[in-house]
Protein backbone atom coordinates (compact mmCIF):
# COMPACT_ATOMS: atom_id res chain seq x y z
CA UNK A 1 -55.72 -80.59 -135.18
CA UNK A 2 -55.08 -81.21 -131.47
CA UNK A 3 -52.94 -83.39 -129.24
CA UNK A 4 -53.97 -85.21 -126.07
CA UNK A 5 -51.81 -87.10 -123.60
CA UNK A 6 -53.69 -90.04 -122.10
CA UNK A 7 -52.83 -93.01 -119.86
CA UNK A 8 -52.27 -96.01 -122.10
CA UNK A 9 -54.03 -98.43 -119.72
CA UNK A 10 -57.26 -96.51 -120.32
CA UNK A 11 -56.98 -96.83 -124.09
CA UNK A 12 -55.30 -100.25 -124.52
CA UNK A 13 -56.29 -100.46 -128.18
CA UNK A 14 -53.27 -98.24 -128.94
CA UNK A 15 -50.79 -100.55 -127.20
CA UNK A 16 -49.56 -102.24 -130.38
CA UNK A 17 -49.10 -98.94 -132.20
CA UNK A 18 -47.31 -97.46 -129.20
CA UNK A 19 -44.98 -100.47 -129.07
CA UNK A 20 -44.11 -99.93 -132.74
CA UNK A 21 -43.21 -96.29 -132.04
CA UNK A 22 -40.90 -97.28 -129.18
CA UNK A 23 -39.29 -100.02 -131.25
CA UNK A 24 -38.33 -97.48 -133.91
CA UNK A 25 -35.68 -96.30 -131.45
CA UNK A 26 -35.19 -99.12 -128.92
CA UNK A 27 -35.66 -102.63 -130.26
CA UNK A 28 -37.52 -105.06 -128.01
CA UNK A 29 -39.90 -107.90 -128.59
CA UNK A 30 -43.59 -107.07 -128.87
CA UNK A 31 -44.30 -109.42 -125.96
CA UNK A 32 -41.89 -107.54 -123.70
CA UNK A 33 -43.38 -104.20 -124.69
CA UNK A 34 -46.95 -105.29 -124.04
CA UNK A 35 -45.91 -106.82 -120.71
CA UNK A 36 -44.49 -103.45 -119.64
CA UNK A 37 -47.66 -101.66 -120.75
CA UNK A 38 -49.73 -104.00 -118.59
CA UNK A 39 -48.04 -102.54 -115.49
CA UNK A 40 -49.37 -99.05 -116.26
CA UNK A 41 -51.89 -97.84 -113.67
CA UNK A 42 -53.25 -94.72 -112.02
CA UNK A 43 -51.09 -95.19 -108.90
CA UNK A 44 -47.87 -95.22 -111.01
CA UNK A 45 -45.98 -96.21 -112.97
CA UNK A 46 -48.05 -94.92 -115.85
CA UNK A 47 -47.41 -95.12 -119.60
CA UNK A 48 -48.64 -92.01 -121.38
CA UNK A 49 -49.46 -91.86 -125.08
CA UNK A 50 -49.64 -88.65 -127.11
CA UNK A 51 -52.46 -88.86 -129.65
CA UNK A 52 -53.24 -86.58 -132.55
CA UNK A 53 -56.95 -86.08 -133.20
CA UNK A 54 -57.71 -88.26 -130.20
CA UNK A 55 -61.46 -87.67 -130.39
CA UNK A 56 -61.80 -88.70 -134.02
CA UNK A 57 -61.62 -91.92 -135.98
CA UNK A 58 -58.32 -90.72 -137.48
CA UNK A 59 -56.54 -90.67 -134.11
CA UNK A 60 -53.03 -92.13 -134.10
CA UNK A 61 -50.05 -92.36 -131.78
CA UNK A 62 -47.57 -89.47 -132.01
CA UNK A 63 -45.39 -90.12 -128.99
CA UNK A 64 -44.95 -91.83 -125.63
CA UNK A 65 -43.58 -91.13 -122.14
CA UNK A 66 -43.54 -93.04 -118.88
CA UNK A 67 -43.67 -91.77 -115.29
CA UNK A 68 -42.54 -93.68 -112.21
CA UNK A 69 -42.37 -92.55 -108.60
CA UNK A 70 -38.99 -91.80 -107.03
CA UNK A 71 -38.53 -92.79 -103.40
CA UNK A 72 -36.57 -91.06 -100.67
CA UNK A 73 -36.80 -87.47 -101.92
CA UNK A 74 -37.77 -84.43 -99.84
CA UNK A 75 -40.77 -83.69 -102.07
CA UNK A 76 -43.06 -85.94 -104.16
CA UNK A 77 -40.93 -86.78 -107.19
CA UNK A 78 -41.06 -88.83 -110.37
CA UNK A 79 -38.78 -90.09 -113.11
CA UNK A 80 -39.76 -89.60 -116.75
CA UNK A 81 -38.35 -92.11 -119.21
CA UNK A 82 -38.94 -93.66 -122.62
CA UNK A 83 -39.71 -90.25 -124.10
CA UNK A 84 -40.17 -90.77 -127.83
CA UNK A 85 -41.76 -89.13 -130.86
CA UNK A 86 -42.63 -91.06 -133.99
CA UNK A 87 -39.54 -90.94 -136.19
CA UNK A 88 -41.15 -89.34 -139.24
CA UNK A 89 -42.59 -86.52 -137.07
CA UNK A 90 -39.40 -85.49 -135.29
CA UNK A 91 -38.11 -81.96 -135.65
CA UNK A 92 -41.62 -80.46 -135.70
CA UNK A 93 -41.84 -79.31 -132.07
CA UNK A 94 -43.77 -82.35 -130.88
CA UNK A 95 -41.04 -83.27 -128.40
CA UNK A 96 -41.67 -80.04 -126.48
CA UNK A 97 -45.43 -80.63 -126.56
CA UNK A 98 -44.96 -84.16 -125.24
CA UNK A 99 -42.75 -83.02 -122.34
CA UNK A 100 -45.01 -80.09 -121.41
CA UNK A 101 -48.08 -82.31 -121.31
CA UNK A 102 -46.18 -84.94 -119.33
CA UNK A 103 -45.22 -82.29 -116.76
CA UNK A 104 -48.84 -81.11 -116.56
CA UNK A 105 -49.96 -84.68 -115.92
CA UNK A 106 -47.36 -85.05 -113.15
CA UNK A 107 -48.41 -81.77 -111.50
CA UNK A 108 -52.08 -82.82 -111.52
CA UNK A 109 -50.98 -86.02 -109.78
CA UNK A 110 -49.40 -84.01 -106.94
CA UNK A 111 -45.76 -84.39 -107.96
CA UNK A 112 -43.36 -81.49 -107.42
CA UNK A 113 -40.06 -82.62 -108.94
CA UNK A 114 -39.29 -84.45 -112.18
CA UNK A 115 -36.05 -86.29 -112.91
CA UNK A 116 -34.76 -87.76 -116.15
CA UNK A 117 -31.62 -89.22 -117.70
CA UNK A 118 -30.12 -88.54 -121.10
CA UNK A 119 -26.87 -89.15 -122.92
CA UNK A 120 -27.24 -86.91 -125.96
CA UNK A 121 -30.24 -84.56 -125.42
CA UNK A 122 -28.92 -82.35 -122.62
CA UNK A 123 -29.32 -79.19 -124.68
CA UNK A 124 -32.93 -80.00 -125.57
CA UNK A 125 -33.92 -80.56 -121.94
CA UNK A 126 -31.98 -77.49 -120.80
CA UNK A 127 -34.19 -75.39 -123.07
CA UNK A 128 -37.21 -76.85 -121.27
CA UNK A 129 -35.91 -75.74 -117.86
CA UNK A 130 -34.06 -78.87 -116.71
CA UNK A 131 -30.72 -78.64 -114.96
CA UNK A 132 -27.95 -81.17 -114.40
CA UNK A 133 -28.09 -82.84 -110.98
CA UNK A 134 -26.54 -85.70 -109.04
CA UNK A 135 -27.79 -89.25 -109.66
CA UNK A 136 -30.68 -90.42 -107.52
CA UNK A 137 -31.61 -93.83 -106.12
CA UNK A 138 -34.40 -95.33 -108.21
CA UNK A 139 -35.68 -98.81 -107.32
CA UNK A 140 -38.45 -99.11 -109.89
CA UNK A 141 -41.90 -98.56 -108.39
CA UNK A 142 -43.51 -100.78 -111.04
CA UNK A 143 -41.86 -103.79 -109.39
CA UNK A 144 -41.57 -102.68 -105.74
CA UNK A 145 -44.36 -100.75 -103.94
CA UNK A 146 -43.27 -97.41 -102.54
CA UNK A 147 -43.49 -98.40 -98.85
CA UNK A 148 -41.40 -101.53 -99.51
CA UNK A 149 -38.90 -99.53 -101.57
CA UNK A 150 -38.38 -97.16 -98.63
CA UNK A 151 -37.75 -100.14 -96.37
CA UNK A 152 -35.28 -101.61 -98.85
CA UNK A 153 -33.41 -98.31 -99.06
CA UNK A 154 -33.03 -98.41 -95.25
CA UNK A 155 -31.72 -101.96 -95.51
CA UNK A 156 -29.21 -100.85 -98.13
CA UNK A 157 -27.71 -98.41 -95.62
CA UNK A 158 -27.54 -101.12 -92.98
CA UNK A 159 -26.02 -103.45 -95.54
CA UNK A 160 -23.28 -100.93 -96.25
CA UNK A 161 -22.51 -100.66 -92.52
CA UNK A 162 -22.34 -104.43 -92.28
CA UNK A 163 -19.90 -104.47 -95.14
CA UNK A 164 -17.69 -102.04 -93.24
CA UNK A 165 -17.77 -104.21 -90.11
CA UNK A 166 -17.05 -107.34 -92.14
CA UNK A 167 -14.15 -105.62 -93.79
CA UNK A 168 -12.76 -104.52 -90.43
CA UNK A 169 -13.21 -108.03 -89.04
CA UNK A 170 -11.50 -109.44 -92.10
CA UNK A 171 -8.58 -107.08 -91.62
CA UNK A 172 -8.30 -108.10 -87.97
CA UNK A 173 -8.36 -111.76 -88.91
CA UNK A 174 -5.63 -111.21 -91.45
CA UNK A 175 -3.60 -109.35 -88.82
CA UNK A 176 -3.97 -112.13 -86.26
CA UNK A 177 -3.30 -114.73 -88.91
CA UNK A 178 -0.12 -112.92 -89.86
CA UNK A 179 0.98 -112.79 -86.21
CA UNK A 180 0.25 -116.48 -85.82
CA UNK A 181 2.25 -117.40 -88.91
CA UNK A 182 5.10 -115.19 -87.82
CA UNK A 183 5.16 -116.87 -84.40
CA UNK A 184 5.08 -120.26 -86.11
CA UNK A 185 8.09 -119.29 -88.23
CA UNK A 186 10.01 -118.17 -85.14
CA UNK A 187 9.19 -121.41 -83.31
CA UNK A 188 10.30 -123.44 -86.30
CA UNK A 189 13.54 -121.45 -86.56
CA UNK A 190 14.28 -121.98 -82.85
CA UNK A 191 13.64 -125.71 -83.24
CA UNK A 192 16.04 -125.93 -86.17
CA UNK A 193 18.70 -124.06 -84.19
CA UNK A 194 18.36 -126.35 -81.18
CA UNK A 195 18.56 -129.48 -83.34
CA UNK A 196 21.67 -128.15 -85.07
CA UNK A 197 23.34 -127.40 -81.73
CA UNK A 198 22.64 -130.93 -80.52
CA UNK A 199 24.12 -132.42 -83.69
CA UNK A 200 27.25 -130.29 -83.38
CA UNK A 201 27.76 -131.18 -79.74
CA UNK A 202 27.57 -134.91 -80.50
CA UNK A 203 30.09 -134.74 -83.32
CA UNK A 204 32.40 -131.74 -83.17
CA UNK A 205 34.55 -133.06 -86.00
CA UNK A 206 31.65 -132.82 -88.39
CA UNK A 207 30.61 -129.41 -87.28
CA UNK A 208 29.11 -127.67 -90.29
CA UNK A 209 27.46 -124.26 -90.04
CA UNK A 210 23.74 -124.55 -90.69
CA UNK A 211 21.90 -121.71 -92.42
CA UNK A 212 18.24 -121.59 -91.45
CA UNK A 213 15.77 -121.49 -94.32
CA UNK A 214 14.26 -118.08 -95.00
CA UNK A 215 10.79 -117.65 -93.48
CA UNK A 216 8.00 -118.30 -95.95
CA UNK A 217 5.30 -115.76 -96.60
CA UNK A 218 2.19 -116.08 -94.39
CA UNK A 219 -0.28 -118.45 -95.99
CA UNK A 220 -3.22 -116.14 -95.39
CA UNK A 221 -1.83 -113.26 -97.39
CA UNK A 222 -3.95 -112.89 -100.55
CA UNK A 223 -2.35 -112.95 -103.95
CA UNK A 224 -1.98 -109.54 -105.60
CA UNK A 225 -4.96 -108.62 -107.78
CA UNK A 226 -4.56 -108.85 -111.56
CA UNK A 227 -3.94 -105.58 -113.41
CA UNK A 228 -7.12 -103.77 -114.48
CA UNK A 229 -8.19 -104.27 -118.09
CA UNK A 230 -7.30 -101.51 -120.48
CA UNK A 231 -10.39 -99.75 -121.81
CA UNK A 232 -10.69 -99.95 -125.56
CA UNK A 233 -12.05 -96.97 -127.50
CA UNK A 234 -15.55 -97.52 -128.79
CA UNK A 235 -17.47 -96.17 -131.69
CA UNK A 236 -20.38 -93.85 -130.97
CA UNK A 237 -22.77 -96.45 -132.35
CA UNK A 238 -21.53 -98.95 -129.75
CA UNK A 239 -22.32 -96.72 -126.76
CA UNK A 240 -25.39 -97.90 -124.90
CA UNK A 241 -27.89 -95.42 -123.53
CA UNK A 242 -27.51 -97.36 -120.26
CA UNK A 243 -23.74 -96.78 -120.10
CA UNK A 244 -23.24 -95.18 -116.63
CA UNK A 245 -20.29 -93.13 -117.87
CA UNK A 246 -22.49 -91.50 -120.51
CA UNK A 247 -25.69 -90.91 -118.53
CA UNK A 248 -26.52 -87.34 -117.49
CA UNK A 249 -29.04 -86.81 -114.70
CA UNK A 250 -31.31 -83.75 -114.87
CA UNK A 251 -34.19 -82.38 -112.82
CA UNK A 252 -36.89 -79.72 -112.92
CA UNK A 253 -39.16 -78.31 -110.25
CA UNK A 254 -42.85 -78.52 -111.14
CA UNK A 255 -44.02 -76.00 -108.53
């Protein structure tokens, strides 16, 4: 009995079975699964399928993993995701075999660093040599080619700088608007005072002290933001694997 890890796009007859294995853990439509598999290619991203007895008529899907390139790192890097073992075969050491063969595939492809995310398997990956790291920027190389992704990452930095300038300009506008409103209030107050003085001079017997109206708040001042919503405790079953507060980033050098 042996196990082989092969690119799914080279053995598409196992696509349906591989989709069933993934849907045991993460429910999606068959159409969506097959559409994702169609993006698998030698240049990455690549869907990998772990087969038992791959060279025999009794071959069947044991597990699956997916590798995508990561842009903007100092060394050639990839992200491994959708790591899954058929449910009835879990707890038999196949998860380690799947990860080791996935790492070997990545090394043969010239990659030197592997990243992954988890929310409940940190101990398992730690035993395989992975360590907790900071989150990385991942744009999805199956949708955006690597050279375009690098360009977009540069634009993101410029976009952040533009946001800063816009914010500063907005603050300046608010400041000038406040000065303008304040000047308008003073002008209006002076006008009221002059009119009152003229009325009093024309009819001293009806002299009544006039109290100017309090200045109104500048019209451009924004209303205070609403109070933040109070987070409600959630059951463990309600926590999504995509919940940013629960995701743990890990990495391992393949050198």
